Protein backbone atom coordinates (compact mmCIF):
# COMPACT_ATOMS: atom_id res chain seq x y z
CA MET A 1 -25.27 75.54 39.61
CA ARG A 2 -26.95 73.19 41.90
CA PRO A 3 -29.61 72.17 39.42
CA ARG A 4 -26.95 71.05 37.01
CA GLN A 5 -25.57 68.51 39.46
CA THR A 6 -29.03 67.15 40.00
CA GLU A 7 -29.48 66.68 36.30
CA ARG A 8 -26.19 64.93 36.10
CA ILE A 9 -27.11 62.56 38.87
CA SER A 10 -30.47 61.82 37.32
CA ILE A 11 -28.76 61.12 33.98
CA MET A 12 -26.42 58.70 35.74
CA ARG A 13 -29.34 57.03 37.43
CA LEU A 14 -31.04 56.52 34.11
CA THR A 15 -27.86 55.30 32.48
CA VAL A 16 -26.98 52.68 35.09
CA PRO A 17 -30.26 50.77 34.83
CA ASN A 18 -29.95 50.77 31.01
CA ARG A 19 -26.48 49.26 31.23
CA VAL A 20 -27.77 46.58 33.57
CA ARG A 21 -30.63 45.77 31.22
CA VAL A 22 -28.28 45.50 28.27
CA ALA A 23 -25.94 43.27 30.29
CA GLN A 24 -28.88 41.11 31.37
CA ALA A 25 -30.14 40.80 27.80
CA VAL A 26 -26.69 39.74 26.57
CA ALA A 27 -26.34 37.25 29.42
CA VAL A 28 -29.73 35.71 28.61
CA GLN A 29 -28.79 35.35 24.94
CA LEU A 30 -25.47 33.73 25.81
CA ILE A 31 -27.17 31.29 28.16
CA ALA A 32 -29.76 30.50 25.48
CA LEU A 33 -26.99 29.85 22.96
CA ALA A 34 -25.28 27.54 25.43
CA PHE A 35 -28.46 25.45 25.84
CA ILE A 36 -29.34 25.20 22.12
CA PRO A 37 -27.15 22.13 21.50
CA LEU A 38 -28.83 20.34 24.40
CA PHE A 39 -32.30 20.78 22.94
CA SER A 40 -31.58 20.79 19.23
CA GLY A 41 -31.87 17.03 18.77
CA GLY A 42 -28.44 16.76 17.15
CA SER A 43 -25.66 14.58 18.35
CA CYS A 44 -21.93 14.63 18.20
CA THR A 45 -19.87 11.50 17.94
CA VAL A 46 -16.13 11.42 18.37
CA VAL A 47 -14.40 8.48 16.70
CA TYR A 48 -10.75 7.63 17.01
CA SER A 49 -9.09 5.26 14.60
CA SER A 50 -5.55 4.06 15.03
CA CYS A 51 -5.51 2.58 11.52
CA GLU A 52 -2.63 4.02 9.57
CA CYS A 53 -2.97 2.22 6.27
CA ASP A 54 -4.26 2.89 2.79
CA PRO A 55 -6.52 0.13 1.48
CA CYS A 56 -5.43 1.04 -2.04
CA PHE A 57 -2.01 -0.39 -1.24
CA GLN A 58 -2.50 -2.89 1.60
CA PRO A 59 -5.27 -4.65 3.52
CA CYS A 60 -6.62 -2.57 6.40
CA ALA A 61 -8.65 -3.42 9.47
CA CYS A 62 -10.40 -0.04 9.31
CA LYS A 63 -11.85 -0.20 5.80
CA ASP A 64 -11.64 -2.45 2.79
CA PHE A 65 -12.33 -0.07 -0.08
CA CYS A 66 -10.08 2.36 -1.89
CA ASP A 67 -11.46 5.91 -1.99
CA HIS A 68 -9.22 7.25 -4.71
CA ALA A 69 -8.73 4.24 -7.00
CA ALA A 70 -11.36 5.50 -9.44
CA THR A 71 -9.01 8.25 -10.56
CA ILE A 72 -6.38 5.73 -11.70
CA ASP A 73 -6.69 4.59 -15.30
CA PHE A 74 -6.12 0.98 -16.33
CA ASP A 75 -2.65 1.47 -17.81
CA GLY A 76 -1.51 3.87 -15.09
CA ALA A 77 -2.25 1.34 -12.34
CA ARG A 78 -0.20 -1.33 -14.14
CA ARG A 79 2.61 0.53 -15.90
CA LEU A 80 6.12 0.22 -14.51
CA SER A 81 7.32 3.81 -14.28
CA THR A 82 9.66 3.68 -11.27
CA TYR A 83 11.92 0.66 -11.02
CA GLU A 84 15.54 -0.50 -11.16
CA ARG A 85 16.74 -2.78 -13.96
CA ALA A 86 19.71 -5.12 -13.80
CA VAL A 87 20.95 -7.80 -16.19
CA VAL A 88 22.66 -10.87 -14.78
CA VAL A 89 24.49 -13.10 -17.27
CA GLU A 90 25.48 -16.57 -16.10
CA PRO A 91 28.72 -18.20 -17.32
CA ASP A 92 26.69 -20.62 -19.45
CA GLY A 93 25.12 -17.70 -21.35
CA ARG A 94 21.75 -17.60 -19.62
CA ALA A 95 20.61 -14.07 -18.93
CA THR A 96 18.11 -12.69 -16.46
CA ARG A 97 16.72 -9.18 -16.63
CA ILE A 98 15.58 -8.16 -13.18
CA TYR A 99 13.12 -5.32 -12.63
CA SER A 100 13.17 -4.52 -8.90
CA ASN A 101 12.22 -1.77 -6.45
CA ILE A 102 8.99 -1.28 -8.37
CA VAL A 103 6.91 1.57 -6.98
CA GLY A 104 3.14 2.13 -7.25
CA VAL A 105 2.03 -1.05 -9.04
CA SER A 106 -0.32 -3.03 -6.81
CA ILE A 107 -3.37 -5.23 -7.09
CA ALA A 108 -5.28 -3.20 -4.51
CA ARG A 109 -4.54 0.08 -6.30
CA ALA A 110 -5.69 -1.32 -9.63
CA LEU A 111 -8.81 -3.06 -8.33
CA GLY A 112 -9.82 -0.43 -5.79
CA THR A 113 -10.02 -2.96 -2.98
CA ALA A 114 -7.60 -4.77 -0.71
CA ASP A 115 -9.79 -7.87 -0.86
CA TYR A 116 -8.69 -10.02 -3.81
CA GLY A 117 -8.33 -13.70 -4.66
CA ALA A 118 -6.06 -15.98 -6.68
CA GLU A 119 -7.85 -15.24 -9.96
CA ASP A 120 -7.40 -11.50 -9.34
CA VAL A 121 -3.65 -12.02 -8.85
CA ARG A 122 -3.42 -13.98 -12.10
CA ALA A 123 -5.49 -11.45 -14.09
CA PHE A 124 -3.51 -8.52 -12.68
CA ALA A 125 -0.17 -10.17 -13.51
CA THR A 126 -1.40 -10.83 -17.07
CA SER A 127 -2.44 -7.20 -17.46
CA VAL A 128 0.91 -5.94 -16.10
CA ILE A 129 2.68 -7.94 -18.83
CA ALA A 130 0.31 -6.61 -21.50
CA VAL A 131 0.72 -2.96 -20.45
CA ASN A 132 4.52 -3.25 -20.18
CA ARG A 133 5.01 -5.45 -23.25
CA GLN A 134 7.80 -3.31 -24.70
CA LEU A 135 9.97 -3.99 -21.62
CA PHE A 136 9.82 -7.75 -22.10
CA GLU A 137 10.18 -8.05 -25.88
CA LEU A 138 13.57 -8.81 -27.34
CA PRO A 139 14.50 -7.17 -30.66
CA GLY A 140 12.75 -8.95 -33.53
CA GLU A 141 10.68 -11.05 -31.16
CA ASN A 142 6.91 -11.13 -30.88
CA ALA A 143 6.39 -13.70 -28.15
CA ARG A 144 3.12 -14.44 -26.43
CA TRP A 145 3.21 -14.90 -22.66
CA ASP A 146 1.19 -17.87 -21.45
CA PHE A 147 0.27 -18.39 -17.83
CA GLU A 148 2.24 -21.23 -16.25
CA SER A 149 1.75 -21.17 -12.48
CA LEU A 150 0.54 -19.23 -9.47
CA ASP A 151 1.87 -19.85 -5.98
CA LEU A 152 0.21 -18.12 -3.04
CA PHE A 153 2.24 -18.03 0.15
CA ASP A 154 1.58 -16.28 3.47
CA THR A 155 4.22 -13.67 2.70
CA ALA A 156 4.18 -13.49 -1.11
CA HIS A 157 2.47 -14.39 -4.39
CA VAL A 158 4.53 -15.72 -7.31
CA VAL A 159 3.12 -15.80 -10.84
CA THR A 160 5.08 -17.40 -13.70
CA PHE A 161 4.53 -17.05 -17.45
CA ARG A 162 6.29 -18.85 -20.31
CA ALA A 163 7.02 -17.27 -23.71
CA THR A 164 5.62 -19.09 -26.73
CA GLY A 165 6.22 -18.22 -30.35
CA SER A 166 9.70 -16.90 -29.69
CA ARG A 167 11.78 -16.60 -32.86
CA SER A 168 15.06 -16.59 -31.00
CA GLY A 169 14.75 -20.29 -30.13
CA THR A 170 15.46 -19.60 -26.46
CA SER A 171 13.13 -20.55 -23.67
CA ARG A 172 11.99 -17.52 -21.69
CA SER A 173 9.97 -17.09 -18.55
CA LEU A 174 8.61 -14.13 -16.63
CA THR A 175 8.21 -14.43 -12.87
CA LEU A 176 6.29 -11.73 -11.04
CA LEU A 177 6.75 -11.45 -7.28
CA PHE A 178 4.11 -9.72 -5.16
CA ASP A 179 4.32 -9.09 -1.42
CA ARG A 180 1.46 -10.30 0.80
CA ARG A 181 -0.33 -6.95 0.37
CA GLY A 182 -0.37 -7.31 -3.43
CA ASN A 183 2.39 -4.82 -4.25
CA LEU A 184 4.49 -5.85 -7.25
CA ILE A 185 8.06 -6.08 -5.97
CA GLU A 186 10.09 -7.73 -8.71
CA ILE A 187 9.88 -9.18 -12.20
CA ASP A 188 12.48 -11.67 -13.42
CA ASP A 189 12.78 -12.15 -17.18
CA SER A 190 14.87 -15.29 -17.60
CA SER A 191 16.12 -16.89 -20.79
CA SER A 192 17.90 -20.18 -21.27
C-alpha cells in the first residue's frame, strides 16, 4: 500500500505547480488587459453640461441648433392644435376672439434654430396665419391679412396684421404674441 501513497503525493506535486502556472498566466493576462488603455493611444473625455434646455423651443447657452426639427413638417410646426379659445364681446358690439395657452408652436421649432431675427418673426407669423386660415375666417369672408407692425421687446414680440378685402365691412386685426424665446403664446382676433 505504501507505493500508492507515494503516487498520490507525486500526483499532488505535479498538480500544484500546474495550478500555480495557470494562476500566473491568468494574472499576467489581467495585468496586460489593465495596461492596454494606457498604451492604446485612445483618450477618454468626460464632459458635464448643466444646460437643461431644448434649442428647438428656447435659446440655449450649450448649443444653438435643433437636432430634431428636421422631422417637423411645415404645417405641423405652425398649426394650432392645442389651445384655448375665448370670445369677449364689448358692450359696443366689438368682439375679440382670443386663442391662448398655445402649445408647440414656436419660431425655433419651425426654423430649427434658436437664433432668429425680426424678419424671421414676421415670416413665421405670416405662415402661422396662412396655415391656420380657417380659424380666422368669418363665415362668407375671404379676407387677406396684411402685415401692419412688428414690435420686439426684451420679454416679447408682438406682430399685428390687418384684414383687407373683408365683405363684412368691419375692421379686423390679428395680433400674435410671442414670448422672448419665440413661443407663440396668444393670438387676438379683434373686430370693430
